[in-house]
PDB file of all heavy atoms in Angstrom:
ATOM      1  N   ALA A   1     -19.274  19.217   5.206  1.00  0.00           N
ATOM      2  CA  ALA A   1     -18.316  18.187   5.628  1.00  0.00           C
ATOM      3  C   ALA A   1     -19.079  16.943   6.056  1.00  0.00           C
ATOM      4  O   ALA A   1     -19.861  16.986   7.011  1.00  0.00           O
ATOM      5  CB  ALA A   1     -17.458  18.700   6.768  1.00  0.00           C
ATOM      6  N   ALA A   2     -18.851  15.840   5.351  1.00  0.00           N
ATOM      7  CA  ALA A   2     -19.535  14.586   5.677  1.00  0.00           C
ATOM      8  C   ALA A   2     -18.892  13.900   6.874  1.00  0.00           C
ATOM      9  O   ALA A   2     -19.570  13.244   7.659  1.00  0.00           O
ATOM     10  CB  ALA A   2     -19.519  13.653   4.465  1.00  0.00           C
ATOM     11  N   SER A   3     -17.567  14.019   7.011  1.00  0.00           N
ATOM     12  CA  SER A   3     -16.863  13.352   8.105  1.00  0.00           C
ATOM     13  C   SER A   3     -15.438  13.884   8.178  1.00  0.00           C
ATOM     14  O   SER A   3     -14.999  14.641   7.318  1.00  0.00           O
ATOM     15  CB  SER A   3     -16.829  11.835   7.875  1.00  0.00           C
ATOM     16  OG  SER A   3     -16.115  11.531   6.686  1.00  0.00           O
ATOM     17  N   GLY A   4     -14.711  13.446   9.228  1.00  0.00           N
ATOM     18  CA  GLY A   4     -13.275  13.701   9.286  1.00  0.00           C
ATOM     19  C   GLY A   4     -12.894  15.002   9.965  1.00  0.00           C
ATOM     20  O   GLY A   4     -13.722  15.756  10.465  1.00  0.00           O
ATOM     21  N   SER A   5     -11.568  15.256   9.988  1.00  0.00           N
ATOM     22  CA  SER A   5     -11.002  16.395  10.679  1.00  0.00           C
ATOM     23  C   SER A   5      -9.834  16.944   9.869  1.00  0.00           C
ATOM     24  O   SER A   5      -9.522  16.429   8.792  1.00  0.00           O
ATOM     25  CB  SER A   5     -10.509  15.954  12.057  1.00  0.00           C
ATOM     26  OG  SER A   5      -9.512  14.945  11.905  1.00  0.00           O
ATOM     27  N   ALA A   6      -9.152  17.962  10.408  1.00  0.00           N
ATOM     28  CA  ALA A   6      -8.001  18.538   9.721  1.00  0.00           C
ATOM     29  C   ALA A   6      -6.898  17.501   9.544  1.00  0.00           C
ATOM     30  O   ALA A   6      -6.309  17.362   8.467  1.00  0.00           O
ATOM     31  CB  ALA A   6      -7.472  19.727  10.515  1.00  0.00           C
ATOM     32  N   GLY A   7      -6.608  16.743  10.622  1.00  0.00           N
ATOM     33  CA  GLY A   7      -5.590  15.703  10.536  1.00  0.00           C
ATOM     34  C   GLY A   7      -5.954  14.636   9.523  1.00  0.00           C
ATOM     35  O   GLY A   7      -5.103  14.166   8.757  1.00  0.00           O
ATOM     36  N   GLY A   8      -7.227  14.269   9.516  1.00  0.00           N
ATOM     37  CA  GLY A   8      -7.687  13.265   8.553  1.00  0.00           C
ATOM     38  C   GLY A   8      -7.562  13.753   7.123  1.00  0.00           C
ATOM     39  O   GLY A   8      -7.195  12.983   6.224  1.00  0.00           O
ATOM     40  N   ALA A   9      -7.838  15.048   6.901  1.00  0.00           N
ATOM     41  CA  ALA A   9      -7.740  15.611   5.549  1.00  0.00           C
ATOM     42  C   ALA A   9      -6.298  15.612   5.057  1.00  0.00           C
ATOM     43  O   ALA A   9      -6.025  15.293   3.894  1.00  0.00           O
ATOM     44  CB  ALA A   9      -8.302  17.029   5.533  1.00  0.00           C
ATOM     45  N   LEU A  10      -5.360  15.964   5.937  1.00  0.00           N
ATOM     46  CA  LEU A  10      -3.949  15.999   5.544  1.00  0.00           C
ATOM     47  C   LEU A  10      -3.415  14.595   5.290  1.00  0.00           C
ATOM     48  O   LEU A  10      -2.657  14.363   4.335  1.00  0.00           O
ATOM     49  CB  LEU A  10      -3.120  16.694   6.626  1.00  0.00           C
ATOM     50  CG  LEU A  10      -3.440  18.178   6.852  1.00  0.00           C
ATOM     51  CD1 LEU A  10      -2.632  18.739   8.016  1.00  0.00           C
ATOM     52  CD2 LEU A  10      -3.178  18.980   5.584  1.00  0.00           C
ATOM     53  N   LEU A  11      -3.806  13.645   6.126  1.00  0.00           N
ATOM     54  CA  LEU A  11      -3.376  12.259   5.924  1.00  0.00           C
ATOM     55  C   LEU A  11      -3.957  11.703   4.634  1.00  0.00           C
ATOM     56  O   LEU A  11      -3.276  11.000   3.869  1.00  0.00           O
ATOM     57  CB  LEU A  11      -3.825  11.402   7.117  1.00  0.00           C
ATOM     58  CG  LEU A  11      -3.386   9.930   7.101  1.00  0.00           C
ATOM     59  CD1 LEU A  11      -1.871   9.830   7.114  1.00  0.00           C
ATOM     60  CD2 LEU A  11      -3.984   9.188   8.291  1.00  0.00           C
ATOM     61  N   SER A  12      -5.212  12.050   4.364  1.00  0.00           N
ATOM     62  CA  SER A  12      -5.864  11.607   3.138  1.00  0.00           C
ATOM     63  C   SER A  12      -5.148  12.174   1.908  1.00  0.00           C
ATOM     64  O   SER A  12      -4.977  11.482   0.904  1.00  0.00           O
ATOM     65  CB  SER A  12      -7.331  12.048   3.144  1.00  0.00           C
ATOM     66  OG  SER A  12      -8.020  11.537   2.028  1.00  0.00           O
ATOM     67  N   ALA A  13      -4.713  13.441   1.994  1.00  0.00           N
ATOM     68  CA  ALA A  13      -3.982  14.063   0.885  1.00  0.00           C
ATOM     69  C   ALA A  13      -2.668  13.345   0.633  1.00  0.00           C
ATOM     70  O   ALA A  13      -2.269  13.125  -0.523  1.00  0.00           O
ATOM     71  CB  ALA A  13      -3.725  15.536   1.186  1.00  0.00           C
ATOM     72  N   LEU A  14      -1.970  12.975   1.709  1.00  0.00           N
ATOM     73  CA  LEU A  14      -0.702  12.253   1.590  1.00  0.00           C
ATOM     74  C   LEU A  14      -0.911  10.910   0.901  1.00  0.00           C
ATOM     75  O   LEU A  14      -0.176  10.547  -0.027  1.00  0.00           O
ATOM     76  CB  LEU A  14      -0.097  12.052   2.982  1.00  0.00           C
ATOM     77  CG  LEU A  14       1.193  11.224   3.052  1.00  0.00           C
ATOM     78  CD1 LEU A  14       2.334  11.936   2.351  1.00  0.00           C
ATOM     79  CD2 LEU A  14       1.558  10.952   4.517  1.00  0.00           C
ATOM     80  N   VAL A  15      -1.934  10.178   1.339  1.00  0.00           N
ATOM     81  CA  VAL A  15      -2.222   8.864   0.754  1.00  0.00           C
ATOM     82  C   VAL A  15      -2.653   9.011  -0.703  1.00  0.00           C
ATOM     83  O   VAL A  15      -2.243   8.222  -1.572  1.00  0.00           O
ATOM     84  CB  VAL A  15      -3.320   8.146   1.574  1.00  0.00           C
ATOM     85  CG1 VAL A  15      -3.771   6.857   0.883  1.00  0.00           C
ATOM     86  CG2 VAL A  15      -2.812   7.831   2.974  1.00  0.00           C
ATOM     87  N   TYR A  16      -3.457  10.038  -0.983  1.00  0.00           N
ATOM     88  CA  TYR A  16      -3.938  10.259  -2.348  1.00  0.00           C
ATOM     89  C   TYR A  16      -2.795  10.554  -3.312  1.00  0.00           C
ATOM     90  O   TYR A  16      -2.709   9.975  -4.398  1.00  0.00           O
ATOM     91  CB  TYR A  16      -4.929  11.423  -2.365  1.00  0.00           C
ATOM     92  CG  TYR A  16      -5.442  11.758  -3.745  1.00  0.00           C
ATOM     93  CD1 TYR A  16      -6.463  11.008  -4.313  1.00  0.00           C
ATOM     94  CD2 TYR A  16      -4.903  12.804  -4.489  1.00  0.00           C
ATOM     95  CE1 TYR A  16      -6.932  11.294  -5.582  1.00  0.00           C
ATOM     96  CE2 TYR A  16      -5.363  13.095  -5.754  1.00  0.00           C
ATOM     97  CZ  TYR A  16      -6.382  12.336  -6.290  1.00  0.00           C
ATOM     98  OH  TYR A  16      -6.828  12.613  -7.564  1.00  0.00           O
ATOM     99  N   ALA A  17      -1.907  11.474  -2.906  1.00  0.00           N
ATOM    100  CA  ALA A  17      -0.773  11.818  -3.775  1.00  0.00           C
ATOM    101  C   ALA A  17       0.140  10.615  -3.963  1.00  0.00           C
ATOM    102  O   ALA A  17       0.592  10.344  -5.084  1.00  0.00           O
ATOM    103  CB  ALA A  17       0.008  12.988  -3.179  1.00  0.00           C
ATOM    104  N   ALA A  18       0.402   9.892  -2.882  1.00  0.00           N
ATOM    105  CA  ALA A  18       1.264   8.708  -2.987  1.00  0.00           C
ATOM    106  C   ALA A  18       0.652   7.669  -3.917  1.00  0.00           C
ATOM    107  O   ALA A  18       1.349   7.066  -4.753  1.00  0.00           O
ATOM    108  CB  ALA A  18       1.488   8.107  -1.596  1.00  0.00           C
ATOM    109  N   MET A  19      -0.651   7.449  -3.791  1.00  0.00           N
ATOM    110  CA  MET A  19      -1.322   6.463  -4.635  1.00  0.00           C
ATOM    111  C   MET A  19      -1.190   6.822  -6.106  1.00  0.00           C
ATOM    112  O   MET A  19      -0.797   5.986  -6.933  1.00  0.00           O
ATOM    113  CB  MET A  19      -2.803   6.381  -4.270  1.00  0.00           C
ATOM    114  CG  MET A  19      -3.628   5.480  -5.187  1.00  0.00           C
ATOM    115  SD  MET A  19      -5.394   5.709  -4.970  1.00  0.00           S
ATOM    116  CE  MET A  19      -5.649   7.312  -5.738  1.00  0.00           C
ATOM    117  N   ASN A  20      -1.474   8.071  -6.445  1.00  0.00           N
ATOM    118  CA  ASN A  20      -1.489   8.455  -7.854  1.00  0.00           C
ATOM    119  C   ASN A  20      -0.090   8.544  -8.458  1.00  0.00           C
ATOM    120  O   ASN A  20       0.116   8.138  -9.604  1.00  0.00           O
ATOM    121  CB  ASN A  20      -2.230   9.788  -8.021  1.00  0.00           C
ATOM    122  CG  ASN A  20      -3.725   9.603  -8.024  1.00  0.00           C
ATOM    123  OD1 ASN A  20      -4.290   9.055  -8.968  1.00  0.00           O
ATOM    124  ND2 ASN A  20      -4.385  10.025  -6.967  1.00  0.00           N
ATOM    125  N   VAL A  21       0.869   9.062  -7.696  1.00  0.00           N
ATOM    126  CA  VAL A  21       2.241   9.091  -8.217  1.00  0.00           C
ATOM    127  C   VAL A  21       2.787   7.673  -8.292  1.00  0.00           C
ATOM    128  O   VAL A  21       3.460   7.303  -9.262  1.00  0.00           O
ATOM    129  CB  VAL A  21       3.142   9.988  -7.351  1.00  0.00           C
ATOM    130  CG1 VAL A  21       4.579   9.955  -7.870  1.00  0.00           C
ATOM    131  CG2 VAL A  21       2.630  11.424  -7.345  1.00  0.00           C
ATOM    132  N   GLY A  22       2.490   6.866  -7.271  1.00  0.00           N
ATOM    133  CA  GLY A  22       2.941   5.479  -7.291  1.00  0.00           C
ATOM    134  C   GLY A  22       2.388   4.705  -8.474  1.00  0.00           C
ATOM    135  O   GLY A  22       3.100   3.922  -9.120  1.00  0.00           O
ATOM    136  N   LEU A  23       1.141   4.943  -8.800  1.00  0.00           N
ATOM    137  CA  LEU A  23       0.524   4.266  -9.938  1.00  0.00           C
ATOM    138  C   LEU A  23       0.990   4.834 -11.271  1.00  0.00           C
ATOM    139  O   LEU A  23       0.732   4.245 -12.320  1.00  0.00           O
ATOM    140  CB  LEU A  23      -1.002   4.364  -9.843  1.00  0.00           C
ATOM    141  CG  LEU A  23      -1.624   3.573  -8.686  1.00  0.00           C
ATOM    142  CD1 LEU A  23      -3.097   3.930  -8.529  1.00  0.00           C
ATOM    143  CD2 LEU A  23      -1.458   2.080  -8.907  1.00  0.00           C
ATOM    144  N   SER A  24       1.689   5.984 -11.220  1.00  0.00           N
ATOM    145  CA  SER A  24       2.239   6.584 -12.438  1.00  0.00           C
ATOM    146  C   SER A  24       3.692   6.197 -12.678  1.00  0.00           C
ATOM    147  O   SER A  24       4.292   6.631 -13.656  1.00  0.00           O
ATOM    148  CB  SER A  24       2.133   8.121 -12.365  1.00  0.00           C
ATOM    149  OG  SER A  24       0.802   8.539 -12.180  1.00  0.00           O
ATOM    150  N   ILE A  25       4.263   5.392 -11.777  1.00  0.00           N
ATOM    151  CA  ILE A  25       5.667   4.982 -11.915  1.00  0.00           C
ATOM    152  C   ILE A  25       5.922   4.345 -13.274  1.00  0.00           C
ATOM    153  O   ILE A  25       6.929   4.620 -13.933  1.00  0.00           O
ATOM    154  CB  ILE A  25       6.048   3.990 -10.787  1.00  0.00           C
ATOM    155  CG1 ILE A  25       6.212   4.739  -9.463  1.00  0.00           C
ATOM    156  CG2 ILE A  25       7.348   3.258 -11.120  1.00  0.00           C
ATOM    157  CD1 ILE A  25       6.485   3.836  -8.275  1.00  0.00           C
TER     158      ILE A  25
END
């Protein structure tokens, strides 16, 4: 683990999924 926490990982997953689905609109 380079950095971050459990909360950071879940927030990152939310942003990642939103970014990719949003860019697939």
